[in-house]
Amino acid sequence: MNRKKVHSPDLSYPYEQLDELEQGLEDTDFEKIRANLKRLFQQIDHSAEQEGSLPDFYLRCILIDILTLLGNALNQSNINFKSYQNLYFETLFYCRSCSYEEKRTEIHENTEKLVILLEQEIENAAIPGNQIRETVETNYTSPDFSITALADEFHVSVSYMSYLFKKELNQNFSDFLWNLRLEKAKELLLTTDLPIDVVSLSVGYLNASSFRRKFKQAIGVSPSQFRSDRKL
């Protein structure tokens, strides 16, 4: 998340702690998430108590940064926005329009409720990485197979599946799918005499020209050249 930095010798904006919170959310490490939230709120509390430490505007910026990070994480999950929109917008209103001292308790409690929502969703919707991998390896030769089809298979949103795929397999979906198709194409080129158009279709590409172009970008030679070079 790109945050515009404010430069002032008298201000101490918690960029590092916000980055750590963002990393904790990306890793779904809830111990780390809560520890960082605790430190951030302690700094906000301290600043609110120390006159001149951080202006009210900066306190609001920190609170909105925290809420934005939580909102982004919730948006990437499979939680229906309607299930938490009232809580989210109520908290956003407190952060933007109310005195922190006046709404401190509500902001803390609502933030924890949002964390609990995310935590419960991650626990309930967890899909083992090997199950995702097996599904892709079973369907990768289908021209219709996509991240949308994979998400539908597990009844989750596309954004959540994209997030989960990267988390579980350490690679994005499109790269993983292409690598499977590429290895299968190389196998077919070396072990059969199938025409290139048929090889293309066999690994999920309806457009043979697109397959040839992508193959050459990856290998450095065309499928035909790859076949002839290896068979010499």
Protein backbone atom coordinates (compact mmCIF):
# COMPACT_ATOMS: atom_id res chain seq x y z
CA MET A 1 0.00 0.00 0.00
CA ASN A 2 1.46 3.37 -1.01
CA ARG A 3 1.09 5.94 1.74
CA LYS A 4 2.09 9.54 1.18
CA LYS A 5 4.78 10.31 3.74
CA VAL A 6 4.59 13.44 5.83
CA HIS A 7 7.94 15.00 6.66
CA SER A 8 8.27 16.95 9.86
CA PRO A 9 10.96 16.81 12.54
CA ASP A 10 8.33 16.98 15.26
CA LEU A 11 6.11 14.16 13.99
CA SER A 12 6.55 10.43 14.23
CA TYR A 13 4.20 8.75 11.78
CA PRO A 14 4.19 4.93 12.20
CA TYR A 15 5.01 3.93 8.62
CA GLU A 16 6.98 0.87 9.68
CA GLN A 17 4.25 -0.43 11.98
CA LEU A 18 1.62 0.09 9.28
CA ASP A 19 3.81 -1.86 6.85
CA GLU A 20 4.12 -4.65 9.42
CA LEU A 21 0.34 -4.68 9.86
CA GLU A 22 -0.08 -4.92 6.10
CA GLN A 23 2.38 -7.83 5.98
CA GLY A 24 0.55 -9.57 8.82
CA LEU A 25 -2.72 -9.25 6.92
CA GLU A 26 -1.12 -10.60 3.74
CA ASP A 27 0.26 -13.56 5.71
CA THR A 28 -3.03 -13.98 7.64
CA ASP A 29 -0.91 -14.04 10.79
CA PHE A 30 -3.49 -12.96 13.36
CA GLU A 31 -1.06 -12.91 16.27
CA LYS A 32 1.07 -10.46 14.31
CA ILE A 33 -2.00 -8.48 13.22
CA ARG A 34 -3.21 -8.01 16.79
CA ALA A 35 0.28 -7.21 18.09
CA ASN A 36 0.71 -4.48 15.49
CA LEU A 37 -2.75 -3.07 16.11
CA LYS A 38 -1.97 -2.95 19.82
CA ARG A 39 1.26 -1.03 19.20
CA LEU A 40 -0.44 1.35 16.80
CA PHE A 41 -3.27 2.09 19.20
CA GLN A 42 -0.78 2.57 22.04
CA GLN A 43 1.03 5.17 19.95
CA ILE A 44 -2.25 6.87 19.08
CA ASP A 45 -3.30 6.86 22.75
CA HIS A 46 0.06 8.30 23.79
CA SER A 47 -0.09 10.99 21.12
CA ALA A 48 -3.65 11.89 22.06
CA GLU A 49 -2.59 12.32 25.69
CA GLN A 50 0.55 14.34 24.89
CA GLU A 51 -0.51 17.76 23.68
CA GLY A 52 1.43 18.74 20.58
CA SER A 53 2.80 15.25 19.92
CA LEU A 54 0.67 14.52 16.85
CA PRO A 55 -2.06 16.84 15.57
CA ASP A 56 -5.59 15.51 15.41
CA PHE A 57 -5.32 15.38 11.61
CA TYR A 58 -2.42 12.93 11.84
CA LEU A 59 -4.25 10.74 14.34
CA ARG A 60 -7.11 10.53 11.87
CA CYS A 61 -4.70 9.62 9.08
CA ILE A 62 -3.26 6.75 11.13
CA LEU A 63 -6.72 5.46 12.00
CA ILE A 64 -7.87 5.66 8.38
CA ASP A 65 -4.68 3.88 7.24
CA ILE A 66 -5.43 1.06 9.70
CA LEU A 67 -9.03 0.80 8.56
CA THR A 68 -8.03 0.89 4.89
CA LEU A 69 -5.62 -2.01 5.38
CA LEU A 70 -8.33 -4.03 7.13
CA GLY A 71 -10.82 -3.12 4.41
CA ASN A 72 -8.43 -4.27 1.69
CA ALA A 73 -7.89 -7.60 3.45
CA LEU A 74 -11.64 -8.11 3.91
CA ASN A 75 -12.23 -7.25 0.26
CA GLN A 76 -9.74 -9.93 -0.81
CA SER A 77 -11.49 -12.51 1.33
CA ASN A 78 -14.71 -14.30 0.46
CA ILE A 79 -16.80 -12.25 2.89
CA ASN A 80 -19.87 -10.55 1.44
CA PHE A 81 -19.36 -6.79 1.83
CA LYS A 82 -22.95 -6.36 2.98
CA SER A 83 -22.18 -8.44 6.06
CA TYR A 84 -19.74 -5.87 7.42
CA GLN A 85 -20.44 -2.63 5.54
CA ASN A 86 -22.36 -1.03 8.42
CA LEU A 87 -19.56 -1.82 10.87
CA TYR A 88 -16.91 -0.60 8.43
CA PHE A 89 -18.62 2.68 7.56
CA GLU A 90 -19.50 3.35 11.19
CA THR A 91 -15.83 2.97 12.11
CA LEU A 92 -14.78 5.12 9.15
CA PHE A 93 -17.18 7.84 10.32
CA TYR A 94 -15.68 7.74 13.82
CA CYS A 95 -12.16 7.98 12.39
CA ARG A 96 -12.95 10.87 10.06
CA SER A 97 -15.50 12.94 11.92
CA CYS A 98 -15.34 12.30 15.66
CA SER A 99 -12.91 13.09 18.41
CA TYR A 100 -10.63 10.11 19.05
CA GLU A 101 -10.97 10.58 22.81
CA GLU A 102 -14.76 10.49 22.44
CA LYS A 103 -14.91 7.36 20.22
CA ARG A 104 -11.74 5.57 21.30
CA THR A 105 -13.57 2.54 22.76
CA GLU A 106 -15.87 2.15 19.76
CA ILE A 107 -12.97 2.38 17.31
CA HIS A 108 -10.96 -0.25 19.20
CA GLU A 109 -13.94 -2.59 19.53
CA ASN A 110 -15.03 -2.23 15.91
CA THR A 111 -11.51 -2.81 14.66
CA GLU A 112 -11.31 -6.04 16.65
CA LYS A 113 -14.71 -7.10 15.27
CA LEU A 114 -13.39 -6.64 11.73
CA VAL A 115 -10.30 -8.69 12.57
CA ILE A 116 -12.50 -11.45 14.02
CA LEU A 117 -14.64 -11.46 10.86
CA LEU A 118 -11.54 -11.89 8.73
CA GLU A 119 -10.09 -14.54 11.04
CA GLN A 120 -13.29 -16.60 11.04
CA GLU A 121 -13.57 -16.41 7.26
CA ILE A 122 -9.98 -17.53 6.74
CA GLU A 123 -10.50 -20.46 9.12
CA ASN A 124 -13.82 -21.49 7.58
CA ALA A 125 -12.84 -21.05 3.94
CA ALA A 126 -9.35 -22.50 4.12
CA ILE A 127 -8.70 -24.77 1.15
CA PRO A 128 -5.62 -27.02 1.25
CA GLY A 129 -2.99 -26.11 -1.31
CA ASN A 130 -2.74 -29.70 -2.53
CA GLN A 131 -6.47 -29.69 -3.28
CA ILE A 132 -6.11 -26.53 -5.36
CA ARG A 133 -3.08 -27.97 -7.16
CA GLU A 134 -4.87 -31.24 -7.96
CA THR A 135 -7.84 -29.37 -9.40
CA VAL A 136 -5.62 -27.32 -11.69
CA GLU A 137 -3.59 -30.36 -12.76
CA THR A 138 -6.82 -32.18 -13.62
CA ASN A 139 -8.30 -29.34 -15.67
CA TYR A 140 -5.41 -27.38 -17.15
CA THR A 141 -5.80 -28.82 -20.67
CA SER A 142 -9.33 -27.44 -20.96
CA PRO A 143 -9.50 -24.19 -22.99
CA ASP A 144 -12.27 -22.99 -20.69
CA PHE A 145 -10.27 -23.44 -17.49
CA SER A 146 -9.51 -20.15 -15.73
CA ILE A 147 -9.17 -18.59 -12.30
CA THR A 148 -12.93 -17.98 -12.47
CA ALA A 149 -13.60 -21.67 -13.10
CA LEU A 150 -11.28 -22.59 -10.24
CA ALA A 151 -13.03 -20.17 -7.88
CA ASP A 152 -16.41 -21.56 -8.92
CA GLU A 153 -15.18 -25.08 -8.21
CA PHE A 154 -14.57 -24.14 -4.57
CA HIS A 155 -17.49 -21.70 -4.29
CA VAL A 156 -15.33 -18.69 -3.46
CA SER A 157 -14.79 -15.30 -5.09
CA VAL A 158 -12.19 -14.81 -7.80
CA SER A 159 -10.27 -12.28 -5.69
CA TYR A 160 -10.15 -14.67 -2.73
CA MET A 161 -9.04 -17.59 -4.92
CA SER A 162 -6.30 -15.44 -6.46
CA TYR A 163 -5.11 -14.50 -2.99
CA LEU A 164 -5.33 -18.07 -1.70
CA PHE A 165 -3.60 -19.53 -4.77
CA LYS A 166 -0.61 -17.22 -4.35
CA LYS A 167 -0.48 -17.91 -0.62
CA GLU A 168 -0.67 -21.70 -0.90
CA LEU A 169 1.34 -22.30 -4.09
CA ASN A 170 3.76 -19.33 -3.99
CA GLN A 171 2.92 -18.47 -7.59
CA ASN A 172 0.10 -16.66 -9.33
CA PHE A 173 -2.51 -18.70 -11.17
CA SER A 174 -1.67 -17.63 -14.72
CA ASP A 175 2.04 -18.48 -14.35
CA PHE A 176 1.26 -21.84 -12.75
CA LEU A 177 -1.25 -22.71 -15.48
CA TRP A 178 1.12 -21.72 -18.27
CA ASN A 179 3.99 -23.75 -16.81
CA LEU A 180 1.79 -26.86 -16.73
CA ARG A 181 0.69 -26.29 -20.31
CA LEU A 182 4.23 -25.59 -21.46
CA GLU A 183 5.63 -28.80 -19.96
CA LYS A 184 2.81 -30.84 -21.48
CA ALA A 185 3.36 -29.19 -24.86
CA LYS A 186 7.08 -29.99 -24.74
CA GLU A 187 6.25 -33.60 -23.90
CA LEU A 188 3.83 -33.90 -26.83
CA LEU A 189 6.27 -32.26 -29.23
CA LEU A 190 8.99 -34.74 -28.31
CA THR A 191 6.95 -37.94 -28.01
CA THR A 192 4.37 -37.57 -30.78
CA ASP A 193 4.10 -36.35 -34.36
CA LEU A 194 0.93 -34.39 -33.68
CA PRO A 195 0.58 -31.19 -35.72
CA ILE A 196 1.33 -27.99 -33.78
CA ASP A 197 -2.32 -26.94 -33.98
CA VAL A 198 -3.32 -30.21 -32.29
CA VAL A 199 -0.62 -29.83 -29.64
CA SER A 200 -1.91 -26.32 -28.99
CA LEU A 201 -5.47 -27.56 -28.55
CA SER A 202 -4.27 -30.47 -26.39
CA VAL A 203 -2.83 -28.07 -23.83
CA GLY A 204 -5.80 -25.72 -23.73
CA TYR A 205 -5.05 -23.22 -26.51
CA LEU A 206 -7.76 -22.75 -29.13
CA ASN A 207 -5.64 -20.14 -30.88
CA ALA A 208 -2.54 -21.88 -32.24
CA SER A 209 -0.90 -18.57 -33.18
CA SER A 210 -1.17 -17.39 -29.59
CA PHE A 211 0.30 -20.71 -28.42
CA ARG A 212 3.23 -20.45 -30.87
CA ARG A 213 3.99 -16.89 -29.80
CA LYS A 214 3.88 -17.69 -26.09
CA PHE A 215 5.94 -20.86 -26.55
CA LYS A 216 8.66 -18.94 -28.39
CA GLN A 217 8.70 -16.24 -25.73
CA ALA A 218 9.26 -18.89 -23.05
CA ILE A 219 11.68 -21.24 -24.84
CA GLY A 220 13.35 -18.99 -27.37
CA VAL A 221 12.38 -21.06 -30.42
CA SER A 222 9.11 -21.98 -32.11
CA PRO A 223 7.37 -25.29 -31.27
CA SER A 224 8.40 -26.69 -34.67
CA GLN A 225 12.03 -25.69 -34.16
CA PHE A 226 11.99 -27.10 -30.63
CA ARG A 227 10.76 -30.43 -31.98
CA SER A 228 13.26 -30.63 -34.84
CA ASP A 229 16.22 -29.56 -32.68
CA ARG A 230 15.51 -32.21 -30.04
CA LYS A 231 14.95 -34.98 -32.57
CA LEU A 232 18.29 -34.51 -34.33
